[in-house]
Amino acid sequence: MNLTAIIMLVIGLVLGALIWHMFKTIAYKEKVERANKDLESAKKEAEKIIKEAQLKAQETILEGRKTTEDQKNDLLREFKEREKRLNKREEQLALRDELNLSKEKEFKQIEKTQKEVEASIEMQKAAVEAESQKVKGELEKIAGMSQEEAKEKLVQKIEDEAKHIAAKKIKAIEEALAEDAEKLSKEIISTAIQRYSGEYVVENTVTTVALPNDEMKGRIIGREGRNIRAIEAVTGVDLIIDDTPEAVVISDFNPVRRQIASLTLQKLISDGRIHPGRIEEVFEAASKDVWKAIKEAGDQALFDLGIHKMHPDLILLIGRLRYRTSYSQNVWKHSIECGFLAGIMAAELNYSVKNARRAGLLHDIGKAVDHEIEGSHASIGAKLAEKYGEAKRIVTAIASHHGEVKPESVLDVIVSAADALSGARPGARREMTEAYIQRLTELENIATSFEGVDKSFAIQAGRELRVIVDTTKINDESAYILANDISKKIEEELTYPGQIKVVVIRETRVVSTAQ
C-alpha cells in the first residue's frame, strides 16, 4: 500500500468524522429547538389552564356567595314569620286568659243563682206537697174513694187506653199486610189450583162385599160356622152377616187388612169353593196381590211427583195410604195432590220444588200407622221420616203442618197451605150429618162465650164464622182483638178440616118511622 493511499484514507476518515460530528451537532440543535418550542407551548397551555381554573374558581365563589345570600334571606324571612306567629299566639293566649276569667265569673254567678233557685224549688215542693195532701183529702171526701181505689180506677183507665191504642196498631198492621199478602196469597193459590187438575170424586174404603144371592151367605157361614170362623181367623177381621140383602160387611180398624179380607172373600165367592183349606190358599194369593198393589201405588206416587231416592219401607207406607181415608177423602190421592200443590206454590216463591213435593207427599205418612202407634199422625209421620233418613227440613215440615210444632221455614208454611187447600176444596171431604151439625154448634158456642157477642152464625159448611157484636160493648178497635181471640180458642178446642175464617161485624142501625 503506498503512502498516498494511506493519506487519502486518513483524510477520508477525518472528513467522515467531521461530517458525522457536524450532523450530530445539527441534530442536537434541532432537538434543543424542538424541546424549547414544546416547553413554550406547555407553558402557554399551563397558563391557559391556570387562567381557566381561576375564572372557574371566581365563578364558583360568586355562585356560593349568591347561594349563601339566598339562604340567609330565606332564614331571615322564616325567622320573621315565626316571630309573627309567636306574637299572634301570645295575643290569642292573652285573649283566652281574659275569656277564662270572664267565664269563671259567669259560672260563679250561675252557681249562686242555681243555689237560690234550688232553695226556692224546695220551698215550692213543700208547699205543693202540703197543698196536694189537702187536695187529696178533699177529693177523697168528694169522690167517696180512697187513694188506692182511685189508683185502681186510674190503672184500669190506662189499661183500657193501652188496649185501645194496641187495637188501633193491630188494625193498621193488618190493613197494611192485607193489601199485599192477600193479593199475593190469592195469586199463588189460584195459580196452584189452575195448574193442578185432580179428581173431585170422593172414594170410600170398601167395607161391604156384594153377594150374587142370599144363598151365598150360608156357604160363607158353612156347616156349624166353620167357614166364617176360618175366614175371621185367617184374615183377622170380623164378618157381619145380617139381614142386609146380598151383602156382607167387613169390620176392622186396619184398612190394609180389611182390603185383603175383602179381596179374599171376593175371590172365594167368584171361585165358589169355600172351605178352610181353600180359604188359606186364597188369602195368601190376595195378600200378595194387595202388597203388590201397595208397592205399585207407592212407586206411582213417587213417579208422578218426580221424587227419587226414598227408603223402600217409606214407599210401602205411602202405598198403604191408598186404603186409608180421612173425612171420606182418599189419603193417598190427597198426599199426591198436596205434593203437586206444594211444588207449584214453591215455584211461585222461588223455593225448591223438589223439597216441597217431597214434604207434601210425606206430610200425612203417619196416617198409614196411626192405628198401630199412639200419638198424632203429624208427630208419628215426623218420627217415621226421621227414622228412614229424610232431611231435617222434611221432618220439620211434616211435624208442623197442623201447628203442633212451630214452623221454622217457608217449606213448613207451604206444606200447611197445600194440606189446607187440598182438604178445603169443594167435594174433597165429607162428614156425617150428626158430626157436621155438632161441629157447627160448637163453633157458634165458642163465639157466643165471649163478652160483647150478640149472635154468631157458622156459614159455608163451617168454613166461615160470622160474629155480630154489641156496639155499646165492643168498639171498632176491640173488634180486631175479639176476632183474634175467637180464632185462637177455635184452634185450641176444635178439630176441623181446612181453615175457618172469623168475621166480626159491628154496626149501628137507626130506625125511624114517619107517621
Protein backbone atom coordinates (compact mmCIF):
# COMPACT_ATOMS: atom_id res chain seq x y z
CA MET A 1 0.00 0.00 0.00
CA ASN A 2 1.51 3.37 -0.96
CA LEU A 3 1.58 6.45 1.11
CA THR A 4 -0.83 8.35 -0.97
CA ALA A 5 -3.43 5.81 -0.43
CA ILE A 6 -2.85 5.90 3.28
CA ILE A 7 -3.05 9.66 3.39
CA MET A 8 -6.21 9.58 1.40
CA LEU A 9 -7.64 7.03 3.77
CA VAL A 10 -6.72 9.13 6.76
CA ILE A 11 -8.12 12.22 5.17
CA GLY A 12 -11.30 10.30 4.35
CA LEU A 13 -11.63 9.12 7.91
CA VAL A 14 -11.07 12.61 9.28
CA LEU A 15 -13.52 14.08 6.86
CA GLY A 16 -16.07 11.37 7.76
CA ALA A 17 -15.57 12.07 11.44
CA LEU A 18 -16.00 15.78 10.89
CA ILE A 19 -19.13 15.25 8.79
CA TRP A 20 -20.60 12.86 11.39
CA HIS A 21 -19.88 15.35 14.18
CA MET A 22 -21.39 18.14 12.15
CA PHE A 23 -24.57 16.11 11.53
CA LYS A 24 -24.73 15.17 15.17
CA THR A 25 -24.38 18.79 16.21
CA ILE A 26 -27.15 19.84 13.80
CA ALA A 27 -29.46 17.09 15.10
CA TYR A 28 -28.82 18.12 18.70
CA LYS A 29 -29.58 21.75 17.91
CA GLU A 30 -32.82 20.68 16.22
CA LYS A 31 -33.80 18.60 19.30
CA VAL A 32 -32.99 21.52 21.60
CA GLU A 33 -35.02 23.87 19.45
CA ARG A 34 -37.88 21.39 19.34
CA ALA A 35 -37.70 20.97 23.10
CA ASN A 36 -37.72 24.69 23.62
CA LYS A 37 -40.74 25.00 21.40
CA ASP A 38 -42.54 22.23 23.32
CA LEU A 39 -41.62 23.91 26.56
CA GLU A 40 -43.01 27.21 25.36
CA SER A 41 -46.15 25.51 24.18
CA ALA A 42 -46.54 23.72 27.55
CA LYS A 43 -46.02 26.97 29.41
CA LYS A 44 -48.69 28.65 27.31
CA GLU A 45 -51.06 25.71 27.86
CA ALA A 46 -50.38 25.79 31.59
CA GLU A 47 -51.01 29.50 31.72
CA LYS A 48 -54.25 28.98 29.82
CA ILE A 49 -55.39 26.21 32.22
CA ILE A 50 -54.45 28.33 35.21
CA LYS A 51 -56.45 31.25 33.85
CA GLU A 52 -59.45 28.99 33.17
CA ALA A 53 -59.19 27.50 36.67
CA GLN A 54 -59.00 30.96 38.17
CA LEU A 55 -62.09 32.00 36.20
CA LYS A 56 -64.00 28.91 37.32
CA ALA A 57 -62.92 29.46 40.90
CA GLN A 58 -64.14 33.02 40.75
CA GLU A 59 -67.46 31.87 39.26
CA THR A 60 -67.84 29.19 41.97
CA ILE A 61 -67.05 31.75 44.65
CA LEU A 62 -69.65 34.09 43.18
CA GLU A 63 -72.28 31.33 42.97
CA GLY A 64 -71.50 30.24 46.54
CA ARG A 65 -71.84 33.80 47.73
CA LYS A 66 -75.14 34.12 45.90
CA THR A 67 -76.47 30.81 47.36
CA THR A 68 -75.35 31.77 50.82
CA GLU A 69 -77.04 35.11 50.42
CA ASP A 70 -80.28 33.43 49.30
CA GLN A 71 -80.20 31.00 52.23
CA LYS A 72 -79.53 33.86 54.55
CA ASN A 73 -82.50 35.75 53.13
CA ASP A 74 -84.75 32.62 53.45
CA LEU A 75 -83.71 32.11 57.04
CA LEU A 76 -84.37 35.75 57.82
CA ARG A 77 -87.78 35.52 56.16
CA GLU A 78 -88.68 32.32 58.07
CA PHE A 79 -87.49 33.81 61.30
CA LYS A 80 -89.68 36.86 60.75
CA GLU A 81 -92.73 34.65 60.03
CA ARG A 82 -92.14 32.58 63.15
CA GLU A 83 -91.76 35.75 65.11
CA LYS A 84 -95.11 36.97 63.75
CA ARG A 85 -96.81 33.65 64.64
CA LEU A 86 -95.40 33.70 68.14
CA ASN A 87 -96.61 37.22 68.62
CA LYS A 88 -100.06 36.25 67.34
CA ARG A 89 -100.19 33.21 69.64
CA GLU A 90 -99.23 35.30 72.59
CA GLU A 91 -102.06 37.67 71.74
CA GLN A 92 -104.51 34.72 71.48
CA LEU A 93 -103.33 33.29 74.81
CA ALA A 94 -103.78 36.62 76.41
CA LEU A 95 -107.28 36.90 74.95
CA ARG A 96 -108.10 33.34 76.11
CA ASP A 97 -106.98 34.15 79.62
CA GLU A 98 -109.31 37.10 79.61
CA LEU A 99 -112.20 34.93 78.39
CA ASN A 100 -111.48 32.26 81.01
CA LEU A 101 -111.56 34.86 83.73
CA SER A 102 -114.85 36.19 82.37
CA LYS A 103 -116.38 32.70 82.19
CA GLU A 104 -115.21 31.86 85.65
CA LYS A 105 -117.04 34.90 86.94
CA GLU A 106 -120.16 33.86 85.00
CA PHE A 107 -120.01 30.32 86.40
CA LYS A 108 -119.75 31.60 89.91
CA GLN A 109 -122.76 33.80 89.28
CA ILE A 110 -124.70 30.86 87.77
CA GLU A 111 -123.86 28.62 90.74
CA LYS A 112 -125.09 31.27 93.06
CA THR A 113 -128.31 31.70 91.08
CA GLN A 114 -128.79 27.88 90.88
CA LYS A 115 -128.49 27.53 94.62
CA GLU A 116 -131.07 30.26 95.07
CA VAL A 117 -133.40 28.54 92.56
CA GLU A 118 -132.95 25.12 94.25
CA ALA A 119 -133.79 26.64 97.60
CA SER A 120 -136.87 28.24 96.04
CA ILE A 121 -137.91 24.91 94.43
CA GLU A 122 -137.57 23.06 97.71
CA MET A 123 -139.82 25.63 99.34
CA GLN A 124 -142.31 25.30 96.48
CA LYS A 125 -142.17 21.48 96.70
CA ALA A 126 -143.01 21.59 100.37
CA ALA A 127 -145.89 23.98 99.65
CA VAL A 128 -147.15 21.80 96.74
CA GLU A 129 -146.90 18.63 98.85
CA ALA A 130 -148.92 20.23 101.60
CA GLU A 131 -151.47 21.50 99.09
CA SER A 132 -151.55 18.06 97.40
CA GLN A 133 -152.32 16.31 100.68
CA LYS A 134 -155.05 18.84 101.32
CA VAL A 135 -156.50 18.36 97.80
CA LYS A 136 -156.29 14.54 98.12
CA GLY A 137 -158.24 14.67 101.34
CA GLU A 138 -160.89 16.90 99.78
CA LEU A 139 -161.06 14.69 96.65
CA GLU A 140 -161.47 11.55 98.74
CA LYS A 141 -164.32 13.24 100.63
CA ILE A 142 -165.97 14.44 97.41
CA ALA A 143 -165.46 11.24 95.36
CA GLY A 144 -166.10 8.86 98.21
CA MET A 145 -162.96 6.84 97.18
CA SER A 146 -159.71 6.19 98.90
CA GLN A 147 -156.36 6.84 97.25
CA GLU A 148 -155.92 3.10 96.46
CA GLU A 149 -159.33 2.93 94.84
CA ALA A 150 -158.54 5.99 92.75
CA LYS A 151 -155.24 4.39 91.72
CA GLU A 152 -157.01 1.20 90.65
CA LYS A 153 -159.52 3.20 88.64
CA LEU A 154 -156.71 5.18 87.00
CA VAL A 155 -154.77 1.98 86.21
CA GLN A 156 -157.90 0.46 84.70
CA LYS A 157 -158.41 3.55 82.57
CA ILE A 158 -154.77 3.43 81.41
CA GLU A 159 -155.14 -0.28 80.55
CA ASP A 160 -158.27 0.44 78.52
CA GLU A 161 -156.47 3.24 76.68
CA ALA A 162 -153.48 0.94 76.07
CA LYS A 163 -155.77 -1.76 74.68
CA HIS A 164 -157.43 0.85 72.51
CA ILE A 165 -154.04 2.00 71.16
CA ALA A 166 -152.89 -1.62 70.69
CA ALA A 167 -156.07 -2.44 68.79
CA LYS A 168 -155.53 0.56 66.54
CA LYS A 169 -151.98 -0.56 65.82
CA ILE A 170 -153.15 -4.14 65.16
CA LYS A 171 -155.75 -2.79 62.77
CA ALA A 172 -153.19 -0.64 60.95
CA ILE A 173 -150.70 -3.52 60.72
CA GLU A 174 -153.34 -5.96 59.49
CA GLU A 175 -154.58 -3.50 56.88
CA ALA A 176 -151.03 -2.85 55.66
CA LEU A 177 -150.21 -6.55 55.48
CA ALA A 178 -153.56 -7.48 53.97
CA GLU A 179 -153.04 -5.21 50.97
CA ASP A 180 -150.00 -7.16 49.75
CA ALA A 181 -150.29 -10.52 51.50
CA GLU A 182 -153.87 -11.25 50.46
CA LYS A 183 -153.21 -10.33 46.84
CA LEU A 184 -150.01 -12.41 46.70
CA SER A 185 -151.53 -15.39 48.51
CA LYS A 186 -154.57 -15.36 46.19
CA GLU A 187 -152.30 -15.28 43.17
CA ILE A 188 -150.20 -18.18 44.45
CA ILE A 189 -153.19 -20.31 45.48
CA SER A 190 -155.14 -19.58 42.29
CA THR A 191 -152.06 -20.42 40.22
CA ALA A 192 -151.62 -23.68 42.11
CA ILE A 193 -155.30 -24.62 41.63
CA GLN A 194 -155.26 -23.71 37.93
CA ARG A 195 -152.08 -25.67 37.25
CA TYR A 196 -153.20 -28.83 39.08
CA SER A 197 -156.05 -30.98 37.78
CA GLY A 198 -157.21 -33.59 40.32
CA GLU A 199 -160.23 -35.84 40.79
CA TYR A 200 -163.17 -34.39 42.74
CA VAL A 201 -164.97 -37.68 43.35
CA VAL A 202 -164.78 -38.94 46.94
CA GLU A 203 -163.60 -42.56 47.21
CA ASN A 204 -164.74 -44.73 50.14
CA THR A 205 -162.82 -47.64 51.58
CA VAL A 206 -164.61 -50.85 50.62
CA THR A 207 -166.16 -52.44 53.72
CA THR A 208 -169.12 -54.17 52.07
CA VAL A 209 -168.81 -57.16 49.75
CA ALA A 210 -171.67 -57.75 47.32
CA LEU A 211 -173.05 -61.29 47.03
CA PRO A 212 -174.63 -62.82 43.94
CA ASN A 213 -177.54 -64.10 46.07
CA ASP A 214 -178.53 -64.66 49.69
CA GLU A 215 -177.74 -68.37 49.43
CA MET A 216 -174.05 -67.40 49.37
CA LYS A 217 -174.36 -66.23 53.00
CA GLY A 218 -174.98 -69.82 54.08
CA ARG A 219 -171.97 -71.08 52.16
CA ILE A 220 -169.80 -68.35 53.73
CA ILE A 221 -171.01 -69.34 57.21
CA GLY A 222 -170.50 -73.04 56.48
CA ARG A 223 -171.56 -76.07 58.47
CA GLU A 224 -171.75 -75.07 62.15
CA GLY A 225 -169.97 -71.81 61.21
CA ARG A 226 -166.62 -73.36 60.37
CA ASN A 227 -166.12 -71.34 57.17
CA ILE A 228 -166.80 -67.93 58.74
CA ARG A 229 -164.58 -68.81 61.73
CA ALA A 230 -161.80 -69.85 59.37
CA ILE A 231 -162.15 -66.64 57.35
CA GLU A 232 -162.05 -64.49 60.50
CA ALA A 233 -159.10 -66.44 61.92
CA VAL A 234 -157.04 -66.24 58.74
CA THR A 235 -157.82 -62.64 57.76
CA GLY A 236 -158.04 -61.19 61.28
CA VAL A 237 -161.27 -59.26 60.56
CA ASP A 238 -164.88 -59.56 61.71
CA LEU A 239 -167.55 -60.61 59.22
CA ILE A 240 -171.01 -59.21 59.88
CA ILE A 241 -173.75 -61.20 58.14
CA ASP A 242 -177.15 -59.71 58.89
CA ASP A 243 -180.46 -59.16 57.13
CA THR A 244 -178.91 -56.83 54.56
CA PRO A 245 -179.78 -58.41 51.23
CA GLU A 246 -176.94 -59.75 49.13
CA ALA A 247 -174.17 -58.10 51.19
CA VAL A 248 -171.57 -58.99 53.80
CA VAL A 249 -169.95 -56.28 55.95
CA ILE A 250 -166.24 -56.49 56.85
CA SER A 251 -165.28 -54.76 60.11
CA ASP A 252 -161.68 -53.98 61.10
CA PHE A 253 -159.67 -50.88 62.01
CA ASN A 254 -156.73 -51.81 59.77
CA PRO A 255 -157.51 -50.67 56.20
CA VAL A 256 -154.89 -52.95 54.59
CA ARG A 257 -156.13 -55.97 56.49
CA ARG A 258 -159.71 -55.06 55.57
CA GLN A 259 -158.71 -54.77 51.89
CA ILE A 260 -157.01 -58.18 51.94
CA ALA A 261 -160.08 -59.72 53.59
CA SER A 262 -162.36 -58.07 51.04
CA LEU A 263 -160.29 -59.36 48.11
CA THR A 264 -160.10 -62.84 49.70
CA LEU A 265 -163.87 -63.01 50.09
CA GLN A 266 -164.46 -61.78 46.53
CA LYS A 267 -162.14 -64.46 45.13
CA LEU A 268 -163.82 -67.18 47.22
CA ILE A 269 -167.25 -66.07 46.02
CA SER A 270 -166.19 -65.99 42.36
CA ASP A 271 -164.45 -69.36 42.67
CA GLY A 272 -167.32 -70.98 44.55
CA ARG A 273 -165.13 -73.33 46.58
CA ILE A 274 -165.36 -72.17 50.19
CA HIS A 275 -163.70 -74.39 52.80
CA PRO A 276 -160.89 -73.82 55.39
CA GLY A 277 -158.08 -75.19 53.22
CA ARG A 278 -159.11 -73.11 50.22
CA ILE A 279 -159.54 -70.01 52.40
CA GLU A 280 -155.87 -70.04 53.47
CA GLU A 281 -154.72 -70.53 49.89
CA VAL A 282 -156.84 -67.65 48.57
CA PHE A 283 -155.80 -65.45 51.50
CA GLU A 284 -152.11 -65.91 50.62
CA ALA A 285 -152.78 -65.00 47.00
CA ALA A 286 -154.88 -61.98 48.00
CA SER A 287 -152.18 -60.77 50.41
CA LYS A 288 -149.56 -60.90 47.65
CA ASP A 289 -151.86 -59.01 45.30
CA VAL A 290 -152.63 -56.29 47.86
CA TRP A 291 -148.98 -55.78 48.89
CA LYS A 292 -148.01 -55.73 45.24
CA ALA A 293 -150.65 -53.05 44.66
CA ILE A 294 -149.34 -51.15 47.71
CA LYS A 295 -145.79 -51.20 46.32
CA GLU A 296 -147.05 -50.10 42.90
CA ALA A 297 -149.10 -47.29 44.48
CA GLY A 298 -146.02 -46.02 46.36
CA ASP A 299 -143.85 -46.19 43.24
CA GLN A 300 -146.56 -44.49 41.18
CA ALA A 301 -146.77 -41.60 43.67
CA LEU A 302 -143.01 -41.07 43.51
CA PHE A 303 -143.02 -41.34 39.70
CA ASP A 304 -145.86 -38.82 39.31
CA LEU A 305 -144.11 -36.28 41.53
CA GLY A 306 -140.61 -36.90 40.15
CA ILE A 307 -139.17 -37.92 43.54
CA HIS A 308 -136.12 -40.20 43.77
CA LYS A 309 -134.02 -41.99 46.40
CA MET A 310 -136.53 -42.85 49.11
CA HIS A 311 -136.33 -45.69 51.62
CA PRO A 312 -138.30 -48.79 50.43
CA ASP A 313 -140.21 -49.05 53.74
CA LEU A 314 -141.31 -45.42 53.35
CA ILE A 315 -142.53 -46.18 49.81
CA LEU A 316 -144.64 -49.04 51.21
CA LEU A 317 -146.14 -46.71 53.80
CA ILE A 318 -147.11 -44.30 51.01
CA GLY A 319 -148.78 -47.19 49.17
CA ARG A 320 -150.71 -48.16 52.34
CA LEU A 321 -152.35 -44.73 52.25
CA ARG A 322 -154.17 -45.99 49.14
CA TYR A 323 -156.54 -47.84 51.51
CA ARG A 324 -156.88 -45.05 54.09
CA THR A 325 -159.48 -42.25 54.03
CA SER A 326 -159.83 -39.04 56.06
CA TYR A 327 -163.25 -37.35 56.09
CA SER A 328 -164.02 -39.72 53.16
CA GLN A 329 -161.06 -38.32 51.20
CA ASN A 330 -158.52 -40.87 49.98
CA VAL A 331 -155.28 -40.04 51.82
CA TRP A 332 -153.04 -41.42 49.04
CA LYS A 333 -154.58 -39.13 46.43
CA HIS A 334 -154.68 -36.29 48.96
CA SER A 335 -150.93 -36.71 49.59
CA ILE A 336 -150.12 -36.69 45.87
CA GLU A 337 -152.32 -33.64 45.41
CA CYS A 338 -150.56 -31.88 48.29
CA GLY A 339 -147.21 -32.70 46.67
CA PHE A 340 -148.26 -31.07 43.41
CA LEU A 341 -149.81 -28.03 45.11
CA ALA A 342 -146.78 -27.54 47.37
CA GLY A 343 -144.44 -27.76 44.37
CA ILE A 344 -146.45 -25.17 42.43
CA MET A 345 -146.52 -22.74 45.36
CA ALA A 346 -142.79 -23.29 45.97
CA ALA A 347 -142.08 -22.43 42.33
CA GLU A 348 -144.07 -19.19 42.70
CA LEU A 349 -141.99 -18.33 45.80
CA ASN A 350 -138.65 -19.29 44.19
CA TYR A 351 -138.21 -22.17 46.64
CA SER A 352 -137.01 -25.74 45.97
CA VAL A 353 -139.82 -27.54 44.11
CA LYS A 354 -138.31 -30.99 44.83
CA ASN A 355 -138.25 -30.41 48.60
CA ALA A 356 -141.79 -29.02 48.56
CA ARG A 357 -143.15 -32.01 46.60
CA ARG A 358 -141.34 -34.48 48.86
CA ALA A 359 -142.64 -32.85 52.05
CA GLY A 360 -146.16 -32.55 50.58
CA LEU A 361 -146.25 -36.23 49.68
CA LEU A 362 -144.98 -37.35 53.10
CA HIS A 363 -146.94 -34.90 55.29
CA ASP A 364 -149.68 -37.48 56.17
CA ILE A 365 -147.43 -40.56 56.19
CA GLY A 366 -148.24 -41.04 59.88
CA LYS A 367 -151.83 -41.95 58.95
CA ALA A 368 -150.54 -45.22 57.48
CA VAL A 369 -149.73 -46.50 61.01
CA ASP A 370 -151.58 -44.15 63.39
CA HIS A 371 -153.91 -47.03 64.38
CA GLU A 372 -150.84 -49.01 65.48
CA ILE A 373 -148.86 -46.30 67.34
CA GLU A 374 -150.04 -43.80 69.92
CA GLY A 375 -149.81 -40.11 69.06
CA SER A 376 -150.97 -37.66 66.41
CA HIS A 377 -150.33 -38.55 62.77
CA ALA A 378 -148.10 -35.44 62.39
CA SER A 379 -145.72 -36.48 65.18
CA ILE A 380 -145.79 -40.14 64.09
CA GLY A 381 -145.05 -39.14 60.49
CA ALA A 382 -142.13 -36.93 61.58
CA LYS A 383 -140.62 -39.82 63.57
CA LEU A 384 -141.01 -42.22 60.62
CA ALA A 385 -139.43 -39.74 58.20
CA GLU A 386 -136.50 -39.21 60.56
CA LYS A 387 -136.15 -42.99 61.07
CA TYR A 388 -135.92 -43.61 57.32
CA GLY A 389 -133.29 -40.93 56.68
CA GLU A 390 -135.30 -37.94 55.46
CA ALA A 391 -133.71 -34.48 55.78
CA LYS A 392 -134.44 -32.35 58.86
CA ARG A 393 -136.38 -29.77 56.81
CA ILE A 394 -138.74 -32.53 55.58
CA VAL A 395 -139.19 -33.87 59.13
CA THR A 396 -139.98 -30.38 60.46
CA ALA A 397 -142.49 -29.72 57.66
CA ILE A 398 -144.33 -32.97 58.49
CA ALA A 399 -144.35 -32.26 62.24
CA SER A 400 -145.61 -28.66 61.86
CA HIS A 401 -148.29 -29.00 59.17
CA HIS A 402 -151.08 -28.99 61.81
CA GLY A 403 -149.48 -26.38 64.10
CA GLU A 404 -148.32 -28.90 66.74
CA VAL A 405 -144.76 -27.66 66.15
CA LYS A 406 -143.88 -24.05 65.37
CA PRO A 407 -142.99 -23.55 61.66
CA GLU A 408 -139.31 -22.85 61.08
CA SER A 409 -139.07 -22.22 57.33
CA VAL A 410 -141.00 -21.33 54.19
CA LEU A 411 -141.33 -25.06 53.43
CA ASP A 412 -143.35 -25.63 56.62
CA VAL A 413 -145.84 -22.91 55.65
CA ILE A 414 -146.07 -24.18 52.04
CA VAL A 415 -146.92 -27.74 53.17
CA SER A 416 -149.50 -26.49 55.68
CA ALA A 417 -151.13 -24.32 53.00
CA ALA A 418 -151.14 -27.17 50.45
CA ASP A 419 -152.76 -29.52 53.00
CA ALA A 420 -155.48 -26.98 53.81
CA LEU A 421 -156.04 -26.22 50.12
CA SER A 422 -156.38 -29.89 49.18
CA GLY A 423 -158.79 -30.62 52.03
CA ALA A 424 -160.83 -27.42 51.72
CA ARG A 425 -161.71 -27.52 48.03
CA PRO A 426 -165.38 -28.33 47.26
CA GLY A 427 -166.21 -32.04 47.34
CA ALA A 428 -162.88 -33.09 48.79
CA ARG A 429 -164.19 -34.31 52.14
CA ARG A 430 -167.47 -35.38 53.68
CA GLU A 431 -168.68 -35.67 57.23
CA MET A 432 -171.58 -37.48 58.82
CA THR A 433 -174.63 -35.26 59.34
CA GLU A 434 -174.55 -35.57 63.13
CA ALA A 435 -170.83 -34.76 63.38
CA TYR A 436 -171.24 -31.88 60.96
CA ILE A 437 -174.11 -30.31 62.92
CA GLN A 438 -172.27 -30.83 66.21
CA ARG A 439 -169.14 -29.13 64.86
CA LEU A 440 -171.15 -26.10 63.65
CA THR A 441 -172.93 -25.87 67.01
CA GLU A 442 -169.64 -25.97 68.93
CA LEU A 443 -168.25 -23.34 66.58
CA GLU A 444 -171.13 -20.95 67.30
CA ASN A 445 -170.96 -21.67 71.05
CA ILE A 446 -167.28 -20.72 71.16
CA ALA A 447 -168.08 -17.32 69.62
CA THR A 448 -171.03 -16.59 71.93
CA SER A 449 -168.92 -17.43 75.01
CA PHE A 450 -167.07 -14.10 74.61
CA GLU A 451 -168.40 -10.98 76.31
CA GLY A 452 -170.00 -8.48 73.96
CA VAL A 453 -171.02 -11.07 71.32
CA ASP A 454 -174.70 -10.81 70.43
CA LYS A 455 -175.12 -13.56 67.80
CA SER A 456 -172.93 -15.93 65.79
CA PHE A 457 -173.57 -17.85 62.58
CA ALA A 458 -171.48 -20.66 61.05
CA ILE A 459 -171.80 -20.47 57.26
CA GLN A 460 -170.19 -22.00 54.16
CA ALA A 461 -170.19 -25.50 55.66
CA GLY A 462 -168.32 -24.27 58.72
CA ARG A 463 -165.57 -22.57 56.74
CA GLU A 464 -166.64 -19.11 57.94
CA LEU A 465 -167.93 -17.85 61.28
CA ARG A 466 -169.76 -14.51 61.35
CA VAL A 467 -169.97 -12.85 64.75
CA ILE A 468 -172.33 -9.93 65.43
CA VAL A 469 -171.31 -7.87 68.49
CA ASP A 470 -173.00 -5.34 70.77
CA THR A 471 -171.91 -1.86 69.64
CA THR A 472 -172.12 -0.49 73.20
CA LYS A 473 -169.58 -3.02 74.48
CA ILE A 474 -167.23 -3.56 71.52
CA ASN A 475 -165.70 -0.68 69.55
CA ASP A 476 -164.03 -0.85 66.15
CA GLU A 477 -160.59 -1.41 67.57
CA SER A 478 -161.69 -4.06 70.09
CA ALA A 479 -163.31 -6.00 67.25
CA TYR A 480 -159.84 -6.89 65.92
CA ILE A 481 -158.78 -8.26 69.31
CA LEU A 482 -162.05 -10.22 69.61
CA ALA A 483 -161.57 -11.82 66.18
CA ASN A 484 -158.05 -12.96 67.12
CA ASP A 485 -159.21 -14.32 70.49
CA ILE A 486 -162.04 -16.33 68.89
CA SER A 487 -159.65 -17.75 66.28
CA LYS A 488 -157.20 -18.87 68.97
CA LYS A 489 -159.96 -20.55 71.03
CA ILE A 490 -161.24 -22.39 67.94
CA GLU A 491 -157.72 -23.67 67.24
CA GLU A 492 -157.36 -24.88 70.82
CA GLU A 493 -160.78 -26.56 71.28
CA LEU A 494 -161.98 -27.79 67.87
CA THR A 495 -160.78 -30.35 65.32
CA TYR A 496 -161.77 -29.36 61.79
CA PRO A 497 -160.61 -29.82 58.20
CA GLY A 498 -159.01 -26.87 56.41
CA GLN A 499 -159.37 -23.35 57.82
CA ILE A 500 -162.12 -21.29 59.45
CA LYS A 501 -162.49 -17.58 58.70
CA VAL A 502 -163.75 -15.48 61.64
CA VAL A 503 -165.62 -12.29 60.67
CA VAL A 504 -166.61 -9.86 63.43
CA ILE A 505 -169.43 -7.49 62.41
CA ARG A 506 -170.16 -4.27 64.32
CA GLU A 507 -172.78 -1.90 63.03
CA THR A 508 -175.22 0.73 64.27
CA ARG A 509 -178.74 0.81 62.87
CA VAL A 510 -181.05 3.76 63.44
CA VAL A 511 -184.73 3.25 62.50
CA SER A 512 -187.30 5.99 62.45
CA THR A 513 -190.91 5.78 61.27
CA ALA A 514 -192.73 8.74 59.75
CA GLN A 515 -196.47 8.80 60.58
